[in-house]
Amino acid sequence: MSDLDPARPWLNALKWDQHGMIPAIAQDASSGRVLMFAFMNRQSLQATVDGGTAVYWSRSRQRLWRKGEESGHEQRVLAIRADCDGDALLLSIDQVGGIACHTGRESCFFHQLKGDSWVVVDPVLKDPKDIYGK
């Protein structure tokens, strides 16, 4: 049984947190690798659906964040799934340029716990200075 009510408008069927946010995981459609995690609000999710590229809510900037707006590494959204509770989203994406992380790596999940330490296990594919020019 699912908690998503198909009789409700799709945005209203989701469970938004007290700040109007829902967690969103971006997963590479080809490899299945989880590339990043971010939050979406109603406006960013609607913009994602309307435009076909990922738009998130930037908590640090307090504004909509179009993934790739500065780097060019946009995420083309192929499918959006909600979990059984309707309180988390999974975006199946095509990652333009193969870089999802602002550090120049394929994925934001590049630290791996080894023993009692976090170790960087993925290489930088492109220097962030060359991506952002700052």
Protein backbone atom coordinates (compact mmCIF):
# COMPACT_ATOMS: atom_id res chain seq x y z
CA MET A 1 0.00 0.00 0.00
CA SER A 2 1.23 3.49 -0.88
CA ASP A 3 0.71 6.73 0.99
CA LEU A 4 0.53 8.66 -2.30
CA ASP A 5 -3.09 9.44 -3.11
CA PRO A 6 -3.51 9.35 -6.91
CA ALA A 7 -6.74 11.33 -6.57
CA ARG A 8 -4.84 14.37 -5.25
CA PRO A 9 -2.95 16.77 -7.53
CA TRP A 10 0.58 15.39 -7.90
CA LEU A 11 2.36 18.20 -6.01
CA ASN A 12 -0.15 18.00 -3.14
CA ALA A 13 0.21 14.22 -2.91
CA LEU A 14 3.82 14.60 -1.76
CA LYS A 15 4.79 15.07 1.89
CA TRP A 16 6.66 18.34 2.28
CA ASP A 17 8.61 19.03 5.49
CA GLN A 18 7.89 21.95 7.83
CA HIS A 19 10.00 24.22 5.58
CA GLY A 20 8.18 23.17 2.40
CA MET A 21 11.07 20.97 1.26
CA ILE A 22 11.44 17.40 0.05
CA PRO A 23 14.75 15.51 -0.24
CA ALA A 24 15.82 14.68 -3.80
CA ILE A 25 18.48 12.20 -4.90
CA ALA A 26 19.98 12.52 -8.38
CA GLN A 27 20.98 9.15 -9.85
CA ASP A 28 22.78 8.61 -13.15
CA ALA A 29 20.32 6.84 -15.44
CA SER A 30 23.05 4.85 -17.21
CA SER A 31 25.30 3.69 -14.38
CA GLY A 32 22.87 3.83 -11.45
CA ARG A 33 25.41 5.78 -9.40
CA VAL A 34 24.03 8.26 -6.90
CA LEU A 35 25.48 11.60 -7.92
CA MET A 36 24.10 14.07 -5.42
CA PHE A 37 21.49 14.93 -2.82
CA ALA A 38 19.63 18.23 -2.57
CA PHE A 39 16.30 19.66 -1.53
CA MET A 40 13.41 20.76 -3.70
CA ASN A 41 10.43 22.93 -2.92
CA ARG A 42 7.20 23.06 -4.90
CA GLN A 43 8.51 25.77 -7.21
CA SER A 44 11.76 23.95 -8.00
CA LEU A 45 10.00 20.64 -8.61
CA GLN A 46 7.45 22.30 -10.89
CA ALA A 47 10.30 24.07 -12.77
CA THR A 48 12.08 20.72 -13.13
CA VAL A 49 8.98 19.08 -14.57
CA ASP A 50 8.28 22.03 -16.87
CA GLY A 51 11.83 22.46 -18.16
CA GLY A 52 13.18 18.91 -18.14
CA THR A 53 16.36 19.88 -16.27
CA ALA A 54 16.95 19.70 -12.53
CA VAL A 55 16.14 22.74 -10.43
CA TYR A 56 16.76 22.55 -6.69
CA TRP A 57 16.32 24.88 -3.74
CA SER A 58 19.65 26.20 -2.51
CA ARG A 59 19.46 26.50 1.25
CA SER A 60 22.74 28.45 1.37
CA ARG A 61 21.67 30.96 -1.30
CA GLN A 62 17.98 30.91 -0.33
CA ARG A 63 16.90 30.76 -3.96
CA LEU A 64 16.17 28.38 -6.82
CA TRP A 65 19.31 26.73 -8.12
CA ARG A 66 19.31 25.49 -11.69
CA LYS A 67 21.88 22.71 -11.63
CA GLY A 68 24.60 23.71 -14.08
CA GLU A 69 23.69 27.40 -14.21
CA GLU A 70 27.33 28.33 -13.56
CA SER A 71 29.21 25.16 -14.48
CA GLY A 72 27.24 24.08 -17.54
CA HIS A 73 26.87 20.64 -15.92
CA GLU A 74 23.10 20.51 -16.03
CA GLN A 75 21.06 17.45 -15.25
CA ARG A 76 18.57 16.33 -17.87
CA VAL A 77 15.75 14.63 -15.99
CA LEU A 78 14.55 11.39 -17.55
CA ALA A 79 12.21 10.27 -14.77
CA ILE A 80 11.08 11.33 -11.30
CA ARG A 81 10.01 8.79 -8.70
CA ALA A 82 8.59 9.27 -5.23
CA ASP A 83 9.20 6.78 -2.46
CA CYS A 84 6.38 4.78 -0.86
CA ASP A 85 5.75 7.45 1.78
CA GLY A 86 5.83 10.32 -0.70
CA ASP A 87 8.48 12.11 1.32
CA ALA A 88 11.56 11.66 -0.88
CA LEU A 89 12.28 11.90 -4.59
CA LEU A 90 14.61 10.03 -6.92
CA LEU A 91 15.56 11.80 -10.14
CA SER A 92 16.90 9.59 -12.92
CA ILE A 93 19.18 11.94 -14.82
CA ASP A 94 21.62 12.33 -17.66
CA GLN A 95 24.51 14.32 -16.15
CA VAL A 96 25.87 16.70 -18.78
CA GLY A 97 29.67 16.69 -18.76
CA GLY A 98 29.85 13.73 -16.37
CA ILE A 99 30.46 16.03 -13.37
CA ALA A 100 27.79 16.54 -10.71
CA CYS A 101 29.91 17.84 -7.83
CA HIS A 102 31.19 21.40 -7.42
CA THR A 103 34.56 19.84 -6.53
CA GLY A 104 34.93 18.62 -10.14
CA ARG A 105 34.08 15.00 -9.37
CA GLU A 106 31.49 12.71 -10.94
CA SER A 107 29.58 12.38 -7.67
CA CYS A 108 29.27 14.36 -4.46
CA PHE A 109 29.65 11.04 -2.62
CA PHE A 110 33.42 10.71 -2.96
CA HIS A 111 34.34 10.16 0.70
CA GLN A 112 34.42 6.55 1.88
CA LEU A 113 34.68 5.43 5.47
CA LYS A 114 37.80 3.28 5.89
CA GLY A 115 38.37 2.22 9.44
CA ASP A 116 37.80 5.36 11.49
CA SER A 117 38.61 7.88 8.74
CA TRP A 118 36.90 9.41 5.72
CA VAL A 119 39.03 8.88 2.63
CA VAL A 120 38.65 10.54 -0.77
CA VAL A 121 38.16 7.69 -3.25
CA ASP A 122 37.18 9.46 -6.48
CA PRO A 123 39.43 11.64 -8.63
CA VAL A 124 38.84 15.25 -9.58
CA LEU A 125 37.87 15.13 -13.25
CA LYS A 126 38.14 18.88 -13.78
CA ASP A 127 39.63 21.58 -11.58
CA PRO A 128 36.81 23.69 -10.11
CA LYS A 129 38.76 26.85 -11.08
CA ASP A 130 38.41 25.76 -14.71
CA ILE A 131 34.70 25.06 -14.22
CA TYR A 132 33.69 28.20 -12.39
CA GLY A 133 36.48 30.58 -13.40
CA LYS A 134 36.69 32.13 -9.95
